[in-house]
């Protein structure tokens, strides 16, 4: 598995910026914190892209990224 992962990272790194997040332990708290980080990353990235295209959400409304379908 490590050889496959290293090969994929090497292949993508030649064309794209690749980041690695290494979790030293997989206890419930660590995984929950990582998922929360990814959640906020998704929300803020969506907000940035919408603002870039002039679709600004007012302060009294929820960001569309945070609403469930």
C-alpha atoms as a PDB file:
ATOM      1  CA  UNK A   1       0.000   0.000   0.000  1.00  0.00           C
ATOM      2  CA  UNK A   2       2.819   2.414   0.829  1.00  0.00           C
ATOM      3  CA  UNK A   3       4.466   1.774  -2.557  1.00  0.00           C
ATOM      4  CA  UNK A   4       1.203   2.504  -4.381  1.00  0.00           C
ATOM      5  CA  UNK A   5       0.596   5.651  -2.350  1.00  0.00           C
ATOM      6  CA  UNK A   6       4.161   6.869  -2.893  1.00  0.00           C
ATOM      7  CA  UNK A   7       3.830   6.208  -6.640  1.00  0.00           C
ATOM      8  CA  UNK A   8       0.561   8.109  -6.903  1.00  0.00           C
ATOM      9  CA  UNK A   9       1.953  11.054  -4.931  1.00  0.00           C
ATOM     10  CA  UNK A  10       5.076  11.090  -7.086  1.00  0.00           C
ATOM     11  CA  UNK A  11       3.069  10.985 -10.324  1.00  0.00           C
ATOM     12  CA  UNK A  12       0.694  13.780  -9.304  1.00  0.00           C
ATOM     13  CA  UNK A  13       3.478  15.889  -7.785  1.00  0.00           C
ATOM     14  CA  UNK A  14       5.126  16.206 -11.166  1.00  0.00           C
ATOM     15  CA  UNK A  15       2.055  18.074 -12.488  1.00  0.00           C
ATOM     16  CA  UNK A  16       0.171  19.413  -9.464  1.00  0.00           C
ATOM     17  CA  UNK A  17       0.787  20.801  -6.004  1.00  0.00           C
ATOM     18  CA  UNK A  18       0.229  17.912  -3.587  1.00  0.00           C
ATOM     19  CA  UNK A  19      -0.286  18.251   0.150  1.00  0.00           C
ATOM     20  CA  UNK A  20      -0.200  15.418   2.625  1.00  0.00           C
ATOM     21  CA  UNK A  21      -1.893  15.337   5.985  1.00  0.00           C
ATOM     22  CA  UNK A  22      -0.504  12.651   8.264  1.00  0.00           C
ATOM     23  CA  UNK A  23      -2.514  11.774  11.343  1.00  0.00           C
ATOM     24  CA  UNK A  24      -0.271  10.174  13.937  1.00  0.00           C
ATOM     25  CA  UNK A  25      -3.191   8.615  15.732  1.00  0.00           C
ATOM     26  CA  UNK A  26      -6.666   7.669  14.607  1.00  0.00           C
ATOM     27  CA  UNK A  27      -8.590   8.030  17.836  1.00  0.00           C
ATOM     28  CA  UNK A  28     -12.091   9.461  17.753  1.00  0.00           C
ATOM     29  CA  UNK A  29     -11.068  12.979  18.772  1.00  0.00           C
ATOM     30  CA  UNK A  30      -8.327  13.242  16.136  1.00  0.00           C
ATOM     31  CA  UNK A  31     -10.552  11.992  13.313  1.00  0.00           C
ATOM     32  CA  UNK A  32     -13.391  14.286  14.444  1.00  0.00           C
ATOM     33  CA  UNK A  33     -11.056  17.303  14.454  1.00  0.00           C
ATOM     34  CA  UNK A  34      -9.821  16.418  10.963  1.00  0.00           C
ATOM     35  CA  UNK A  35     -13.390  16.089   9.649  1.00  0.00           C
ATOM     36  CA  UNK A  36     -14.299  19.438  11.209  1.00  0.00           C
ATOM     37  CA  UNK A  37     -11.277  21.017   9.498  1.00  0.00           C
ATOM     38  CA  UNK A  38     -12.350  19.599   6.122  1.00  0.00           C
ATOM     39  CA  UNK A  39     -15.932  20.768   6.728  1.00  0.00           C
ATOM     40  CA  UNK A  40     -14.852  24.365   7.317  1.00  0.00           C
ATOM     41  CA  UNK A  41     -12.419  24.197   4.411  1.00  0.00           C
ATOM     42  CA  UNK A  42     -15.316  23.223   2.129  1.00  0.00           C
ATOM     43  CA  UNK A  43     -17.556  26.001   3.457  1.00  0.00           C
ATOM     44  CA  UNK A  44     -14.957  28.720   3.115  1.00  0.00           C
ATOM     45  CA  UNK A  45     -13.770  27.555  -0.308  1.00  0.00           C
ATOM     46  CA  UNK A  46     -17.351  27.622  -1.591  1.00  0.00           C
ATOM     47  CA  UNK A  47     -17.828  31.091  -0.121  1.00  0.00           C
ATOM     48  CA  UNK A  48     -14.651  32.359  -1.795  1.00  0.00           C
ATOM     49  CA  UNK A  49     -15.678  30.955  -5.194  1.00  0.00           C
ATOM     50  CA  UNK A  50     -19.175  32.468  -4.946  1.00  0.00           C
ATOM     51  CA  UNK A  51     -17.764  35.876  -3.987  1.00  0.00           C
ATOM     52  CA  UNK A  52     -15.298  35.668  -6.855  1.00  0.00           C
ATOM     53  CA  UNK A  53     -18.276  35.386  -9.208  1.00  0.00           C
ATOM     54  CA  UNK A  54     -20.234  38.173  -7.505  1.00  0.00           C
ATOM     55  CA  UNK A  55     -22.691  35.892  -5.712  1.00  0.00           C
ATOM     56  CA  UNK A  56     -22.425  37.356  -2.212  1.00  0.00           C
ATOM     57  CA  UNK A  57     -24.584  35.994   0.605  1.00  0.00           C
ATOM     58  CA  UNK A  58     -25.904  38.595   3.030  1.00  0.00           C
ATOM     59  CA  UNK A  59     -24.820  38.416   6.663  1.00  0.00           C
ATOM     60  CA  UNK A  60     -28.312  37.393   7.834  1.00  0.00           C
ATOM     61  CA  UNK A  61     -28.491  34.356   5.515  1.00  0.00           C
ATOM     62  CA  UNK A  62     -26.851  30.957   5.716  1.00  0.00           C
ATOM     63  CA  UNK A  63     -24.177  30.154   3.171  1.00  0.00           C
ATOM     64  CA  UNK A  64     -25.625  27.746   0.569  1.00  0.00           C
ATOM     65  CA  UNK A  65     -22.709  25.389   1.267  1.00  0.00           C
ATOM     66  CA  UNK A  66     -23.959  24.929   4.837  1.00  0.00           C
ATOM     67  CA  UNK A  67     -27.540  24.044   3.935  1.00  0.00           C
ATOM     68  CA  UNK A  68     -28.617  20.429   3.576  1.00  0.00           C
ATOM     69  CA  UNK A  69     -30.505  19.398   0.464  1.00  0.00           C
END
